[in-house]
Amino acid sequence: MLELIAAIILIIGLIGVAVVIFRKIPVLVGLPLQEIEKSMVLGELKDKIRNNGTLKSFSGEILLQKLLSKIRVLTLKTDKKTDSWLIKLRQRSLEKKKKFSADYWKKLKGKE
């Protein structure tokens, strides 16, 4: 039932989009063509970027150093966490060994 309702809503939506597009095509065809000079826009953008003080001091090497140091810190944190998990697991296994008595198998054989 839900799929049927979703399909109906989808179809109605697509029909609505098609109606809007077909109504606007004549209006869009009637608009005058205006060409935007790409080189002029790109030139202005390049000038703004060059005059910006923050981007003048940008260095790819510094960015790489920061990225590598953050990765190093992350790996050190994960290493410390896994080390603590490993220590806990070893402590649990030692506690289980302490609970296990040497004559366990003898007790089991005696009960049979």
PDB file of N, CA and C in Angstrom:
ATOM      1  N   MET A   1       0.826  -1.192   0.000  1.00  0.00           N
ATOM      2  CA  MET A   1       0.000   0.000   0.000  1.00  0.00           C
ATOM      3  C   MET A   1       0.867   1.252   0.000  1.00  0.00           C
ATOM      4  N   LEU A   2       1.936   1.233   0.835  1.00  0.00           N
ATOM      5  CA  LEU A   2       2.829   2.387   0.898  1.00  0.00           C
ATOM      6  C   LEU A   2       3.551   2.605  -0.429  1.00  0.00           C
ATOM      7  N   GLU A   3       3.904   1.512  -1.085  1.00  0.00           N
ATOM      8  CA  GLU A   3       4.590   1.632  -2.367  1.00  0.00           C
ATOM      9  C   GLU A   3       3.675   2.259  -3.413  1.00  0.00           C
ATOM     10  N   LEU A   4       2.415   1.928  -3.358  1.00  0.00           N
ATOM     11  CA  LEU A   4       1.450   2.492  -4.294  1.00  0.00           C
ATOM     12  C   LEU A   4       1.309   4.003  -4.070  1.00  0.00           C
ATOM     13  N   ILE A   5       1.213   4.398  -2.819  1.00  0.00           N
ATOM     14  CA  ILE A   5       1.103   5.821  -2.504  1.00  0.00           C
ATOM     15  C   ILE A   5       2.363   6.564  -2.939  1.00  0.00           C
ATOM     16  N   ALA A   6       3.541   5.980  -2.683  1.00  0.00           N
ATOM     17  CA  ALA A   6       4.795   6.606  -3.087  1.00  0.00           C
ATOM     18  C   ALA A   6       4.888   6.725  -4.603  1.00  0.00           C
ATOM     19  N   ALA A   7       4.449   5.698  -5.312  1.00  0.00           N
ATOM     20  CA  ALA A   7       4.481   5.725  -6.773  1.00  0.00           C
ATOM     21  C   ALA A   7       3.547   6.809  -7.316  1.00  0.00           C
ATOM     22  N   ILE A   8       2.374   6.947  -6.722  1.00  0.00           N
ATOM     23  CA  ILE A   8       1.413   7.970  -7.160  1.00  0.00           C
ATOM     24  C   ILE A   8       1.984   9.364  -6.930  1.00  0.00           C
ATOM     25  N   ILE A   9       2.590   9.578  -5.770  1.00  0.00           N
ATOM     26  CA  ILE A   9       3.188  10.888  -5.470  1.00  0.00           C
ATOM     27  C   ILE A   9       4.328  11.184  -6.440  1.00  0.00           C
ATOM     28  N   LEU A  10       5.129  10.164  -6.766  1.00  0.00           N
ATOM     29  CA  LEU A  10       6.231  10.342  -7.712  1.00  0.00           C
ATOM     30  C   LEU A  10       5.710  10.728  -9.095  1.00  0.00           C
ATOM     31  N   ILE A  11       4.705  10.037  -9.550  1.00  0.00           N
ATOM     32  CA  ILE A  11       4.135  10.319 -10.877  1.00  0.00           C
ATOM     33  C   ILE A  11       3.538  11.719 -10.918  1.00  0.00           C
ATOM     34  N   ILE A  12       2.799  12.097  -9.888  1.00  0.00           N
ATOM     35  CA  ILE A  12       2.203  13.439  -9.842  1.00  0.00           C
ATOM     36  C   ILE A  12       3.299  14.503  -9.832  1.00  0.00           C
ATOM     37  N   GLY A  13       4.373  14.248  -9.095  1.00  0.00           N
ATOM     38  CA  GLY A  13       5.486  15.202  -9.048  1.00  0.00           C
ATOM     39  C   GLY A  13       6.157  15.356 -10.397  1.00  0.00           C
ATOM     40  N   LEU A  14       6.392  14.245 -11.082  1.00  0.00           N
ATOM     41  CA  LEU A  14       7.018  14.304 -12.405  1.00  0.00           C
ATOM     42  C   LEU A  14       6.135  15.021 -13.414  1.00  0.00           C
ATOM     43  N   ILE A  15       4.826  14.784 -13.343  1.00  0.00           N
ATOM     44  CA  ILE A  15       3.890  15.483 -14.231  1.00  0.00           C
ATOM     45  C   ILE A  15       3.927  16.978 -13.949  1.00  0.00           C
ATOM     46  N   GLY A  16       3.986  17.364 -12.687  1.00  0.00           N
ATOM     47  CA  GLY A  16       4.049  18.783 -12.324  1.00  0.00           C
ATOM     48  C   GLY A  16       5.309  19.451 -12.839  1.00  0.00           C
ATOM     49  N   VAL A  17       6.443  18.760 -12.713  1.00  0.00           N
ATOM     50  CA  VAL A  17       7.701  19.311 -13.225  1.00  0.00           C
ATOM     51  C   VAL A  17       7.628  19.470 -14.743  1.00  0.00           C
ATOM     52  N   ALA A  18       7.069  18.478 -15.436  1.00  0.00           N
ATOM     53  CA  ALA A  18       6.948  18.550 -16.895  1.00  0.00           C
ATOM     54  C   ALA A  18       6.073  19.725 -17.314  1.00  0.00           C
ATOM     55  N   VAL A  19       4.958  19.962 -16.602  1.00  0.00           N
ATOM     56  CA  VAL A  19       4.068  21.086 -16.924  1.00  0.00           C
ATOM     57  C   VAL A  19       4.805  22.409 -16.757  1.00  0.00           C
ATOM     58  N   VAL A  20       5.544  22.562 -15.676  1.00  0.00           N
ATOM     59  CA  VAL A  20       6.279  23.811 -15.447  1.00  0.00           C
ATOM     60  C   VAL A  20       7.324  24.023 -16.540  1.00  0.00           C
ATOM     61  N   ILE A  21       8.030  22.967 -16.927  1.00  0.00           N
ATOM     62  CA  ILE A  21       9.057  23.091 -17.965  1.00  0.00           C
ATOM     63  C   ILE A  21       8.428  23.479 -19.298  1.00  0.00           C
ATOM     64  N   PHE A  22       7.329  22.822 -19.683  1.00  0.00           N
ATOM     65  CA  PHE A  22       6.704  23.140 -20.971  1.00  0.00           C
ATOM     66  C   PHE A  22       6.103  24.545 -20.990  1.00  0.00           C
ATOM     67  N   ARG A  23       5.684  25.057 -19.857  1.00  0.00           N
ATOM     68  CA  ARG A  23       5.159  26.433 -19.815  1.00  0.00           C
ATOM     69  C   ARG A  23       6.282  27.454 -19.920  1.00  0.00           C
ATOM     70  N   LYS A  24       7.462  27.142 -19.407  1.00  0.00           N
ATOM     71  CA  LYS A  24       8.559  28.110 -19.369  1.00  0.00           C
ATOM     72  C   LYS A  24       9.450  28.068 -20.604  1.00  0.00           C
ATOM     73  N   ILE A  25       9.369  27.038 -21.430  1.00  0.00           N
ATOM     74  CA  ILE A  25      10.218  26.959 -22.618  1.00  0.00           C
ATOM     75  C   ILE A  25      10.000  28.146 -23.556  1.00  0.00           C
ATOM     76  N   PRO A  26       8.761  28.547 -23.862  1.00  0.00           N
ATOM     77  CA  PRO A  26       8.601  29.718 -24.753  1.00  0.00           C
ATOM     78  C   PRO A  26       9.169  31.004 -24.147  1.00  0.00           C
ATOM     79  N   VAL A  27       9.058  31.150 -22.850  1.00  0.00           N
ATOM     80  CA  VAL A  27       9.591  32.340 -22.199  1.00  0.00           C
ATOM     81  C   VAL A  27      11.113  32.342 -22.284  1.00  0.00           C
ATOM     82  N   LEU A  28      11.723  31.181 -22.070  1.00  0.00           N
ATOM     83  CA  LEU A  28      13.168  31.080 -22.142  1.00  0.00           C
ATOM     84  C   LEU A  28      13.690  31.294 -23.558  1.00  0.00           C
ATOM     85  N   VAL A  29      12.960  30.841 -24.557  1.00  0.00           N
ATOM     86  CA  VAL A  29      13.369  31.030 -25.947  1.00  0.00           C
ATOM     87  C   VAL A  29      13.310  32.513 -26.310  1.00  0.00           C
ATOM     88  N   GLY A  30      12.354  33.226 -25.753  1.00  0.00           N
ATOM     89  CA  GLY A  30      12.179  34.643 -26.065  1.00  0.00           C
ATOM     90  C   GLY A  30      13.192  35.560 -25.404  1.00  0.00           C
ATOM     91  N   LEU A  31      13.947  35.088 -24.445  1.00  0.00           N
ATOM     92  CA  LEU A  31      14.929  35.925 -23.763  1.00  0.00           C
ATOM     93  C   LEU A  31      16.102  36.237 -24.691  1.00  0.00           C
ATOM     94  N   PRO A  32      16.658  37.447 -24.573  1.00  0.00           N
ATOM     95  CA  PRO A  32      17.815  37.779 -25.402  1.00  0.00           C
ATOM     96  C   PRO A  32      19.060  37.053 -24.892  1.00  0.00           C
ATOM     97  N   LEU A  33      19.939  36.729 -25.813  1.00  0.00           N
ATOM     98  CA  LEU A  33      21.163  36.023 -25.451  1.00  0.00           C
ATOM     99  C   LEU A  33      22.187  37.017 -24.910  1.00  0.00           C
ATOM    100  N   GLN A  34      22.729  36.719 -23.777  1.00  0.00           N
ATOM    101  CA  GLN A  34      23.767  37.546 -23.179  1.00  0.00           C
ATOM    102  C   GLN A  34      24.961  36.635 -22.908  1.00  0.00           C
ATOM    103  N   GLU A  35      26.050  36.980 -23.529  1.00  0.00           N
ATOM    104  CA  GLU A  35      27.254  36.193 -23.316  1.00  0.00           C
ATOM    105  C   GLU A  35      28.076  36.828 -22.215  1.00  0.00           C
ATOM    106  N   ILE A  36      28.473  36.018 -21.296  1.00  0.00           N
ATOM    107  CA  ILE A  36      29.334  36.476 -20.215  1.00  0.00           C
ATOM    108  C   ILE A  36      30.757  36.156 -20.620  1.00  0.00           C
ATOM    109  N   GLU A  37      31.586  37.150 -20.578  1.00  0.00           N
ATOM    110  CA  GLU A  37      32.972  36.922 -20.946  1.00  0.00           C
ATOM    111  C   GLU A  37      33.664  36.164 -19.820  1.00  0.00           C
ATOM    112  N   LYS A  38      34.002  34.929 -20.111  1.00  0.00           N
ATOM    113  CA  LYS A  38      34.605  34.078 -19.100  1.00  0.00           C
ATOM    114  C   LYS A  38      35.996  34.573 -18.714  1.00  0.00           C
ATOM    115  N   SER A  39      36.736  35.025 -19.680  1.00  0.00           N
ATOM    116  CA  SER A  39      38.090  35.460 -19.382  1.00  0.00           C
ATOM    117  C   SER A  39      38.079  36.673 -18.458  1.00  0.00           C
ATOM    118  N   MET A  40      37.104  37.576 -18.631  1.00  0.00           N
ATOM    119  CA  MET A  40      37.022  38.766 -17.787  1.00  0.00           C
ATOM    120  C   MET A  40      36.652  38.377 -16.352  1.00  0.00           C
ATOM    121  N   VAL A  41      35.690  37.483 -16.219  1.00  0.00           N
ATOM    122  CA  VAL A  41      35.267  37.048 -14.892  1.00  0.00           C
ATOM    123  C   VAL A  41      36.396  36.294 -14.199  1.00  0.00           C
ATOM    124  N   LEU A  42      37.056  35.409 -14.925  1.00  0.00           N
ATOM    125  CA  LEU A  42      38.155  34.649 -14.338  1.00  0.00           C
ATOM    126  C   LEU A  42      39.330  35.556 -13.992  1.00  0.00           C
ATOM    127  N   GLY A  43      39.580  36.569 -14.829  1.00  0.00           N
ATOM    128  CA  GLY A  43      40.663  37.504 -14.553  1.00  0.00           C
ATOM    129  C   GLY A  43      40.419  38.289 -13.273  1.00  0.00           C
ATOM    130  N   GLU A  44      39.175  38.739 -13.081  1.00  0.00           N
ATOM    131  CA  GLU A  44      38.833  39.466 -11.857  1.00  0.00           C
ATOM    132  C   GLU A  44      38.971  38.564 -10.632  1.00  0.00           C
ATOM    133  N   LEU A  45      38.555  37.332 -10.787  1.00  0.00           N
ATOM    134  CA  LEU A  45      38.654  36.382  -9.685  1.00  0.00           C
ATOM    135  C   LEU A  45      40.119  36.103  -9.331  1.00  0.00           C
ATOM    136  N   LYS A  46      40.955  35.949 -10.343  1.00  0.00           N
ATOM    137  CA  LYS A  46      42.382  35.725 -10.090  1.00  0.00           C
ATOM    138  C   LYS A  46      43.005  36.915  -9.382  1.00  0.00           C
ATOM    139  N   ASP A  47      42.633  38.125  -9.789  1.00  0.00           N
ATOM    140  CA  ASP A  47      43.169  39.326  -9.142  1.00  0.00           C
ATOM    141  C   ASP A  47      42.762  39.390  -7.676  1.00  0.00           C
ATOM    142  N   LYS A  48      41.516  39.059  -7.394  1.00  0.00           N
ATOM    143  CA  LYS A  48      41.049  39.073  -6.000  1.00  0.00           C
ATOM    144  C   LYS A  48      41.814  38.059  -5.161  1.00  0.00           C
ATOM    145  N   ILE A  49      42.063  36.898  -5.735  1.00  0.00           N
ATOM    146  CA  ILE A  49      42.789  35.856  -5.002  1.00  0.00           C
ATOM    147  C   ILE A  49      44.237  36.284  -4.771  1.00  0.00           C
ATOM    148  N   ARG A  50      44.852  36.876  -5.771  1.00  0.00           N
ATOM    149  CA  ARG A  50      46.251  37.316  -5.625  1.00  0.00           C
ATOM    150  C   ARG A  50      46.385  38.421  -4.588  1.00  0.00           C
ATOM    151  N   ASN A  51      45.397  39.305  -4.519  1.00  0.00           N
ATOM    152  CA  ASN A  51      45.465  40.424  -3.582  1.00  0.00           C
ATOM    153  C   ASN A  51      45.079  40.019  -2.162  1.00  0.00           C
ATOM    154  N   ASN A  52      44.540  38.830  -1.996  1.00  0.00           N
ATOM    155  CA  ASN A  52      44.138  38.358  -0.677  1.00  0.00           C
ATOM    156  C   ASN A  52      45.393  37.984   0.117  1.00  0.00           C
ATOM    157  N   GLY A  53      45.548  38.531   1.300  1.00  0.00           N
ATOM    158  CA  GLY A  53      46.745  38.321   2.101  1.00  0.00           C
ATOM    159  C   GLY A  53      46.862  36.916   2.667  1.00  0.00           C
ATOM    160  N   THR A  54      45.733  36.267   2.958  1.00  0.00           N
ATOM    161  CA  THR A  54      45.801  34.937   3.556  1.00  0.00           C
ATOM    162  C   THR A  54      46.293  33.897   2.563  1.00  0.00           C
ATOM    163  N   LEU A  55      45.949  34.057   1.306  1.00  0.00           N
ATOM    164  CA  LEU A  55      46.374  33.070   0.315  1.00  0.00           C
ATOM    165  C   LEU A  55      47.797  33.305  -0.164  1.00  0.00           C
ATOM    166  N   LYS A  56      48.344  34.499   0.075  1.00  0.00           N
ATOM    167  CA  LYS A  56      49.726  34.752  -0.323  1.00  0.00           C
ATOM    168  C   LYS A  56      50.684  33.904   0.497  1.00  0.00           C
ATOM    169  N   SER A  57      50.363  33.715   1.763  1.00  0.00           N
ATOM    170  CA  SER A  57      51.257  32.965   2.644  1.00  0.00           C
ATOM    171  C   SER A  57      50.960  31.468   2.648  1.00  0.00           C
ATOM    172  N   PHE A  58      50.101  31.003   1.759  1.00  0.00           N
ATOM    173  CA  PHE A  58      49.732  29.588   1.711  1.00  0.00           C
ATOM    174  C   PHE A  58      50.900  28.768   1.195  1.00  0.00           C
ATOM    175  N   SER A  59      51.161  27.673   1.891  1.00  0.00           N
ATOM    176  CA  SER A  59      52.225  26.773   1.468  1.00  0.00           C
ATOM    177  C   SER A  59      51.712  25.340   1.550  1.00  0.00           C
ATOM    178  N   GLY A  60      51.913  24.618   0.486  1.00  0.00           N
ATOM    179  CA  GLY A  60      51.480  23.226   0.454  1.00  0.00           C
ATOM    180  C   GLY A  60      52.255  22.360   1.428  1.00  0.00           C
ATOM    181  N   GLU A  61      53.518  22.705   1.638  1.00  0.00           N
ATOM    182  CA  GLU A  61      54.336  21.916   2.557  1.00  0.00           C
ATOM    183  C   GLU A  61      53.854  22.058   3.995  1.00  0.00           C
ATOM    184  N   ILE A  62      53.458  23.277   4.372  1.00  0.00           N
ATOM    185  CA  ILE A  62      52.956  23.485   5.736  1.00  0.00           C
ATOM    186  C   ILE A  62      51.655  22.727   5.933  1.00  0.00           C
ATOM    187  N   LEU A  63      50.807  22.765   4.915  1.00  0.00           N
ATOM    188  CA  LEU A  63      49.554  22.017   4.993  1.00  0.00           C
ATOM    189  C   LEU A  63      49.826  20.526   5.140  1.00  0.00           C
ATOM    190  N   LEU A  64      50.787  20.015   4.386  1.00  0.00           N
ATOM    191  CA  LEU A  64      51.147  18.598   4.472  1.00  0.00           C
ATOM    192  C   LEU A  64      51.715  18.260   5.848  1.00  0.00           C
ATOM    193  N   GLN A  65      52.536  19.145   6.407  1.00  0.00           N
ATOM    194  CA  GLN A  65      53.084  18.918   7.739  1.00  0.00           C
ATOM    195  C   GLN A  65      51.976  18.843   8.783  1.00  0.00           C
ATOM    196  N   LYS A  66      51.028  19.753   8.702  1.00  0.00           N
ATOM    197  CA  LYS A  66      49.926  19.751   9.663  1.00  0.00           C
ATOM    198  C   LYS A  66      49.087  18.487   9.522  1.00  0.00           C
ATOM    199  N   LEU A  67      48.812  18.103   8.285  1.00  0.00           N
ATOM    200  CA  LEU A  67      48.016  16.906   8.046  1.00  0.00           C
ATOM    201  C   LEU A  67      48.724  15.661   8.577  1.00  0.00           C
ATOM    202  N   LEU A  68      50.013  15.548   8.301  1.00  0.00           N
ATOM    203  CA  LEU A  68      50.762  14.380   8.775  1.00  0.00           C
ATOM    204  C   LEU A  68      50.867  14.356  10.299  1.00  0.00           C
ATOM    205  N   SER A  69      51.012  15.516  10.926  1.00  0.00           N
ATOM    206  CA  SER A  69      51.092  15.531  12.393  1.00  0.00           C
ATOM    207  C   SER A  69      49.756  15.126  13.006  1.00  0.00           C
ATOM    208  N   LYS A  70      48.645  15.538  12.394  1.00  0.00           N
ATOM    209  CA  LYS A  70      47.332  15.128  12.913  1.00  0.00           C
ATOM    210  C   LYS A  70      47.116  13.632  12.733  1.00  0.00           C
ATOM    211  N   ILE A  71      47.562  13.099  11.614  1.00  0.00           N
ATOM    212  CA  ILE A  71      47.458  11.655  11.388  1.00  0.00           C
ATOM    213  C   ILE A  71      48.309  10.907  12.407  1.00  0.00           C
ATOM    214  N   ARG A  72      49.498  11.443  12.690  1.00  0.00           N
ATOM    215  CA  ARG A  72      50.384  10.808  13.676  1.00  0.00           C
ATOM    216  C   ARG A  72      49.747  10.787  15.059  1.00  0.00           C
ATOM    217  N   VAL A  73      49.135  11.913  15.457  1.00  0.00           N
ATOM    218  CA  VAL A  73      48.471  11.980  16.758  1.00  0.00           C
ATOM    219  C   VAL A  73      47.326  10.973  16.814  1.00  0.00           C
ATOM    220  N   LEU A  74      46.567  10.881  15.732  1.00  0.00           N
ATOM    221  CA  LEU A  74      45.458   9.931  15.691  1.00  0.00           C
ATOM    222  C   LEU A  74      45.947   8.494  15.821  1.00  0.00           C
ATOM    223  N   THR A  75      47.029   8.159  15.130  1.00  0.00           N
ATOM    224  CA  THR A  75      47.551   6.794  15.235  1.00  0.00           C
ATOM    225  C   THR A  75      48.106   6.518  16.629  1.00  0.00           C
ATOM    226  N   LEU A  76      48.712   7.518  17.256  1.00  0.00           N
ATOM    227  CA  LEU A  76      49.210   7.315  18.618  1.00  0.00           C
ATOM    228  C   LEU A  76      48.056   7.089  19.596  1.00  0.00           C
ATOM    229  N   LYS A  77      46.968   7.820  19.398  1.00  0.00           N
ATOM    230  CA  LYS A  77      45.801   7.634  20.275  1.00  0.00           C
ATOM    231  C   LYS A  77      45.220   6.239  20.108  1.00  0.00           C
ATOM    232  N   THR A  78      45.104   5.785  18.854  1.00  0.00           N
ATOM    233  CA  THR A  78      44.559   4.440  18.636  1.00  0.00           C
ATOM    234  C   THR A  78      45.503   3.377  19.174  1.00  0.00           C
ATOM    235  N   ASP A  79      46.807   3.603  19.058  1.00  0.00           N
ATOM    236  CA  ASP A  79      47.780   2.655  19.593  1.00  0.00           C
ATOM    237  C   ASP A  79      47.650   2.559  21.110  1.00  0.00           C
ATOM    238  N   LYS A  80      47.494   3.679  21.774  1.00  0.00           N
ATOM    239  CA  LYS A  80      47.338   3.679  23.231  1.00  0.00           C
ATOM    240  C   LYS A  80      46.053   2.961  23.638  1.00  0.00           C
ATOM    241  N   LYS A  81      44.977   3.188  22.898  1.00  0.00           N
ATOM    242  CA  LYS A  81      43.704   2.547  23.218  1.00  0.00           C
ATOM    243  C   LYS A  81      43.794   1.029  23.035  1.00  0.00           C
ATOM    244  N   THR A  82      44.387   0.589  21.917  1.00  0.00           N
ATOM    245  CA  THR A  82      44.511  -0.854  21.693  1.00  0.00           C
ATOM    246  C   THR A  82      45.447  -1.486  22.720  1.00  0.00           C
ATOM    247  N   ASP A  83      46.464  -0.760  23.144  1.00  0.00           N
ATOM    248  CA  ASP A  83      47.366  -1.262  24.177  1.00  0.00           C
ATOM    249  C   ASP A  83      46.621  -1.463  25.496  1.00  0.00           C
ATOM    250  N   SER A  84      45.757  -0.509  25.846  1.00  0.00           N
ATOM    251  CA  SER A  84      44.989  -0.664  27.093  1.00  0.00           C
ATOM    252  C   SER A  84      44.026  -1.847  26.996  1.00  0.00           C
ATOM    253  N   TRP A  85      43.418  -2.052  25.821  1.00  0.00           N
ATOM    254  CA  TRP A  85      42.531  -3.209  25.637  1.00  0.00           C
ATOM    255  C   TRP A  85      43.325  -4.510  25.783  1.00  0.00           C
ATOM    256  N   LEU A  86      44.506  -4.538  25.215  1.00  0.00           N
ATOM    257  CA  LEU A  86      45.339  -5.723  25.287  1.00  0.00           C
ATOM    258  C   LEU A  86      45.740  -6.033  26.723  1.00  0.00           C
ATOM    259  N   ILE A  87      46.082  -5.017  27.488  1.00  0.00           N
ATOM    260  CA  ILE A  87      46.432  -5.208  28.903  1.00  0.00           C
ATOM    261  C   ILE A  87      45.240  -5.765  29.673  1.00  0.00           C
ATOM    262  N   LYS A  88      44.046  -5.238  29.422  1.00  0.00           N
ATOM    263  CA  LYS A  88      42.847  -5.729  30.107  1.00  0.00           C
ATOM    264  C   LYS A  88      42.583  -7.194  29.764  1.00  0.00           C
ATOM    265  N   LEU A  89      42.743  -7.542  28.487  1.00  0.00           N
ATOM    266  CA  LEU A  89      42.525  -8.929  28.085  1.00  0.00           C
ATOM    267  C   LEU A  89      43.524  -9.869  28.749  1.00  0.00           C
ATOM    268  N   ARG A  90      44.768  -9.446  28.846  1.00  0.00           N
ATOM    269  CA  ARG A  90      45.781 -10.283  29.499  1.00  0.00           C
ATOM    270  C   ARG A  90      45.470 -10.447  30.985  1.00  0.00           C
ATOM    271  N   GLN A  91      45.000  -9.388  31.629  1.00  0.00           N
ATOM    272  CA  GLN A  91      44.636  -9.489  33.042  1.00  0.00           C
ATOM    273  C   GLN A  91      43.463 -10.444  33.230  1.00  0.00           C
ATOM    274  N   ARG A  92      42.492 -10.389  32.344  1.00  0.00           N
ATOM    275  CA  ARG A  92      41.357 -11.308  32.446  1.00  0.00           C
ATOM    276  C   ARG A  92      41.800 -12.753  32.286  1.00  0.00           C
ATOM    277  N   SER A  93      42.690 -12.987  31.327  1.00  0.00           N
ATOM    278  CA  SER A  93      43.133 -14.370  31.122  1.00  0.00           C
ATOM    279  C   SER A  93      43.940 -14.863  32.324  1.00  0.00           C
ATOM    280  N   LEU A  94      44.729 -13.989  32.947  1.00  0.00           N
ATOM    281  CA  LEU A  94      45.455 -14.387  34.157  1.00  0.00           C
ATOM    282  C   LEU A  94      44.495 -14.711  35.295  1.00  0.00           C
ATOM    283  N   GLU A  95      43.433 -13.915  35.433  1.00  0.00           N
ATOM    284  CA  GLU A  95      42.441 -14.174  36.480  1.00  0.00           C
ATOM    285  C   GLU A  95      41.739 -15.502  36.237  1.00  0.00           C
ATOM    286  N   LYS A  96      41.451 -15.817  34.987  1.00  0.00           N
ATOM    287  CA  LYS A  96      40.813 -17.099  34.674  1.00  0.00           C
ATOM    288  C   LYS A  96      41.750 -18.261  34.982  1.00  0.00           C
ATOM    289  N   LYS A  97      43.037 -18.083  34.720  1.00  0.00           N
ATOM    290  CA  LYS A  97      44.001 -19.142  35.019  1.00  0.00           C
ATOM    291  C   LYS A  97      44.126 -19.364  36.520  1.00  0.00           C
ATOM    292  N   LYS A  98      44.034 -18.304  37.293  1.00  0.00           N
ATOM    293  CA  LYS A  98      44.123 -18.430  38.747  1.00  0.00           C
ATOM    294  C   LYS A  98      42.915 -19.186  39.300  1.00  0.00           C
ATOM    295  N   LYS A  99      41.747 -18.999  38.688  1.00  0.00           N
ATOM    296  CA  LYS A  99      40.548 -19.684  39.142  1.00  0.00           C
ATOM    297  C   LYS A  99      40.591 -21.173  38.801  1.00  0.00           C
ATOM    298  N   PHE A 100      41.313 -21.532  37.766  1.00  0.00           N
ATOM    299  CA  PHE A 100      41.394 -22.909  37.310  1.00  0.00           C
ATOM    300  C   PHE A 100      42.371 -23.669  38.204  1.00  0.00           C
ATOM    301  N   SER A 101      41.902 -24.693  38.870  1.00  0.00           N
ATOM    302  CA  SER A 101      42.762 -25.451  39.781  1.00  0.00           C
ATOM    303  C   SER A 101      43.474 -26.585  39.027  1.00  0.00           C
ATOM    304  N   ALA A 102      44.587 -27.016  39.568  1.00  0.00           N
ATOM    305  CA  ALA A 102      45.397 -28.051  38.919  1.00  0.00           C
ATOM    306  C   ALA A 102      44.707 -29.418  38.950  1.00  0.00           C
ATOM    307  N   ASP A 103      43.905 -29.677  39.954  1.00  0.00           N
ATOM    308  CA  ASP A 103      43.250 -30.986  40.056  1.00  0.00           C
ATOM    309  C   ASP A 103      41.843 -30.978  39.444  1.00  0.00           C
ATOM    310  N   TYR A 104      41.575 -30.073  38.532  1.00  0.00           N
ATOM    311  CA  TYR A 104      40.258 -29.966  37.907  1.00  0.00           C
ATOM    312  C   TYR A 104      39.888 -31.244  37.169  1.00  0.00           C
ATOM    313  N   TRP A 105      40.834 -31.759  36.385  1.00  0.00           N
ATOM    314  CA  TRP A 105      40.530 -32.941  35.588  1.00  0.00           C
ATOM    315  C   TRP A 105      40.373 -34.182  36.475  1.00  0.00           C
ATOM    316  N   LYS A 106      41.102 -34.208  37.572  1.00  0.00           N
ATOM    317  CA  LYS A 106      40.963 -35.329  38.495  1.00  0.00           C
ATOM    318  C   LYS A 106      39.587 -35.317  39.130  1.00  0.00           C
ATOM    319  N   LYS A 107      39.099 -34.118  39.454  1.00  0.00           N
ATOM    320  CA  LYS A 107      37.762 -34.008  40.043  1.00  0.00           C
ATOM    321  C   LYS A 107      36.698 -34.465  39.045  1.00  0.00           C
ATOM    322  N   LEU A 108      36.869 -34.093  37.774  1.00  0.00           N
ATOM    323  CA  LEU A 108      35.901 -34.516  36.776  1.00  0.00           C
ATOM    324  C   LEU A 108      35.928 -36.025  36.565  1.00  0.00           C
ATOM    325  N   LYS A 109      37.095 -36.621  36.573  1.00  0.00           N
ATOM    326  CA  LYS A 109      37.192 -38.069  36.384  1.00  0.00           C
ATOM    327  C   LYS A 109      36.615 -38.805  37.577  1.00  0.00           C
ATOM    328  N   GLY A 110      36.758 -38.236  38.770  1.00  0.00           N
ATOM    329  CA  GLY A 110      36.243 -38.881  39.965  1.00  0.00           C
ATOM    330  C   GLY A 110      34.731 -38.866  40.014  1.00  0.00           C
ATOM    331  N   LYS A 111      34.088 -37.891  39.416  1.00  0.00           N
ATOM    332  CA  LYS A 111      32.623 -37.787  39.447  1.00  0.00           C
ATOM    333  C   LYS A 111      31.989 -38.771  38.470  1.00  0.00           C
ATOM    334  N   GLU A 112      32.691 -39.185  37.449  1.00  0.00           N
ATOM    335  CA  GLU A 112      32.112 -40.086  36.447  1.00  0.00           C
ATOM    336  C   GLU A 112      31.936 -41.430  36.951  1.00  0.00           C
TER     337      GLU A 112
END
